Amino acid sequence: MSAPPLIFRKNTLIEKHQIEGNDPPGRYFSRIVLITRTATGYTAKAQYESVIAETPSLPTIAEALRHLVGQLQKIGFTRLRTRLNFRGKKYYAEKEPWVNYPDPA
C-alpha cells in the first residue's frame, strides 16, 4: 500500500516558497517560507534574524502567504514578494512567477 500524496499528509512540510523584499532598516533580504499541511489547512513560517513569523492554519496556501506577508508588513518590512521554490523535492523556482504584495498605504 502506498502512502497518501504529499499534499494530503497532515503536519507535513509540503512546499518551500522564497520571500524577498526589504527589512525595516531598508536592507534587501531573501528567506525560505515553510508551508506545512495541517488538519485544517496550511501554515506558513519564516525566520529573518530574530524575527520569526508564523501563521495560524488557513484554508489555502495563498491565504497563509498573504497572512505571513501582512505580519511582516506590520513590523516594517516592505516590497515583499514570494514564489514557489519546492513542492516536495521537486524544484520549481525558475518556472514560477513572483507574487508581489503592495505595501500598505
Protein backbone atom coordinates (compact mmCIF):
# COMPACT_ATOMS: atom_id res chain seq x y z
CA MET A 1 0.00 0.00 0.00
CA SER A 2 1.44 3.38 -0.97
CA ALA A 3 1.49 6.48 1.20
CA PRO A 4 -1.02 9.26 0.52
CA PRO A 5 0.18 12.05 -1.78
CA LEU A 6 2.28 14.68 -0.04
CA ILE A 7 -0.44 17.34 -0.37
CA PHE A 8 -2.79 15.27 1.85
CA ARG A 9 -0.35 14.39 4.65
CA LYS A 10 -1.13 16.28 7.84
CA ASN A 11 1.55 18.19 9.78
CA THR A 12 3.94 17.68 6.88
CA LEU A 13 6.17 20.22 5.16
CA ILE A 14 4.80 20.23 1.62
CA GLU A 15 6.21 23.34 -0.03
CA LYS A 16 9.01 25.87 0.28
CA HIS A 17 8.49 29.37 -1.04
CA GLN A 18 11.01 32.17 -1.30
CA ILE A 19 10.19 35.56 0.19
CA GLU A 20 12.22 38.64 -0.53
CA GLY A 21 11.99 42.35 -0.01
CA ASN A 22 13.37 44.98 2.34
CA ASP A 23 13.67 44.70 6.12
CA PRO A 24 12.74 47.64 8.40
CA PRO A 25 16.15 49.38 8.05
CA GLY A 26 15.79 49.05 4.26
CA ARG A 27 18.24 46.21 3.58
CA TYR A 28 17.38 43.62 0.92
CA PHE A 29 16.68 40.12 2.26
CA SER A 30 15.67 36.72 0.91
CA ARG A 31 14.49 33.77 3.01
CA ILE A 32 12.61 30.49 2.73
CA VAL A 33 8.96 30.19 3.82
CA LEU A 34 7.98 26.71 5.01
CA ILE A 35 4.43 25.65 4.13
CA THR A 36 3.03 22.89 6.33
CA ARG A 37 -0.21 20.97 5.75
CA THR A 38 -2.33 20.81 8.92
CA ALA A 39 -5.59 19.09 9.78
CA THR A 40 -7.48 22.29 8.89
CA GLY A 41 -5.39 23.80 6.10
CA TYR A 42 -1.91 25.28 5.81
CA THR A 43 0.55 27.28 7.90
CA ALA A 44 3.45 29.42 6.73
CA LYS A 45 6.61 30.11 8.73
CA ALA A 46 9.67 32.24 8.03
CA GLN A 47 12.62 33.47 10.08
CA TYR A 48 14.73 36.53 9.46
CA GLU A 49 17.40 37.36 12.03
CA SER A 50 15.49 37.46 15.35
CA VAL A 51 12.06 37.76 13.70
CA ILE A 52 10.00 34.57 13.46
CA ALA A 53 6.68 34.94 11.66
CA GLU A 54 4.21 32.04 11.68
CA THR A 55 0.56 31.93 10.66
CA PRO A 56 -2.38 30.07 12.13
CA SER A 57 -3.83 27.30 9.98
CA LEU A 58 -5.61 28.85 6.99
CA PRO A 59 -7.68 27.22 4.21
CA THR A 60 -5.22 27.83 1.33
CA ILE A 61 -1.51 28.26 0.79
CA ALA A 62 -2.15 31.68 -0.81
CA GLU A 63 -4.03 32.85 2.30
CA ALA A 64 -1.22 31.61 4.56
CA LEU A 65 1.35 33.52 2.49
CA ARG A 66 -0.78 36.71 2.50
CA HIS A 67 -1.17 36.45 6.27
CA LEU A 68 2.58 35.97 6.74
CA VAL A 69 3.34 38.95 4.50
CA GLY A 70 0.83 41.04 6.47
CA GLN A 71 2.59 40.16 9.73
CA LEU A 72 5.93 41.26 8.29
CA GLN A 73 4.50 44.46 6.82
CA LYS A 74 3.08 45.42 10.24
CA ILE A 75 6.60 45.49 11.65
CA GLY A 76 8.10 47.47 8.78
CA PHE A 77 9.05 45.05 6.01
CA THR A 78 8.41 46.43 2.50
CA ARG A 79 8.47 45.49 -1.19
CA LEU A 80 7.65 41.87 -0.37
CA ARG A 81 7.17 39.16 -2.96
CA THR A 82 7.03 35.36 -2.90
CA ARG A 83 7.31 32.44 -5.30
CA LEU A 84 7.17 28.67 -5.07
CA ASN A 85 10.64 27.11 -4.89
CA PHE A 86 9.93 23.47 -4.00
CA ARG A 87 6.87 21.23 -3.86
CA GLY A 88 8.07 18.16 -2.03
CA LYS A 89 11.53 17.63 -3.52
CA LYS A 90 10.70 19.00 -6.98
CA TYR A 91 12.31 22.35 -7.83
CA TYR A 92 10.04 24.98 -9.43
CA ALA A 93 11.55 28.42 -8.77
CA GLU A 94 12.80 29.31 -12.23
CA LYS A 95 9.43 28.35 -13.74
CA GLU A 96 7.14 30.04 -11.21
CA PRO A 97 6.09 33.70 -11.31
CA TRP A 98 6.65 36.05 -8.42
CA VAL A 99 3.62 37.20 -6.41
CA ASN A 100 4.02 40.84 -5.38
CA TYR A 101 2.35 42.25 -2.27
CA PRO A 102 1.70 46.00 -2.31
CA ASP A 103 2.97 47.94 0.68
CA PRO A 104 0.24 49.24 2.99
CA ALA A 105 -0.60 52.90 2.49
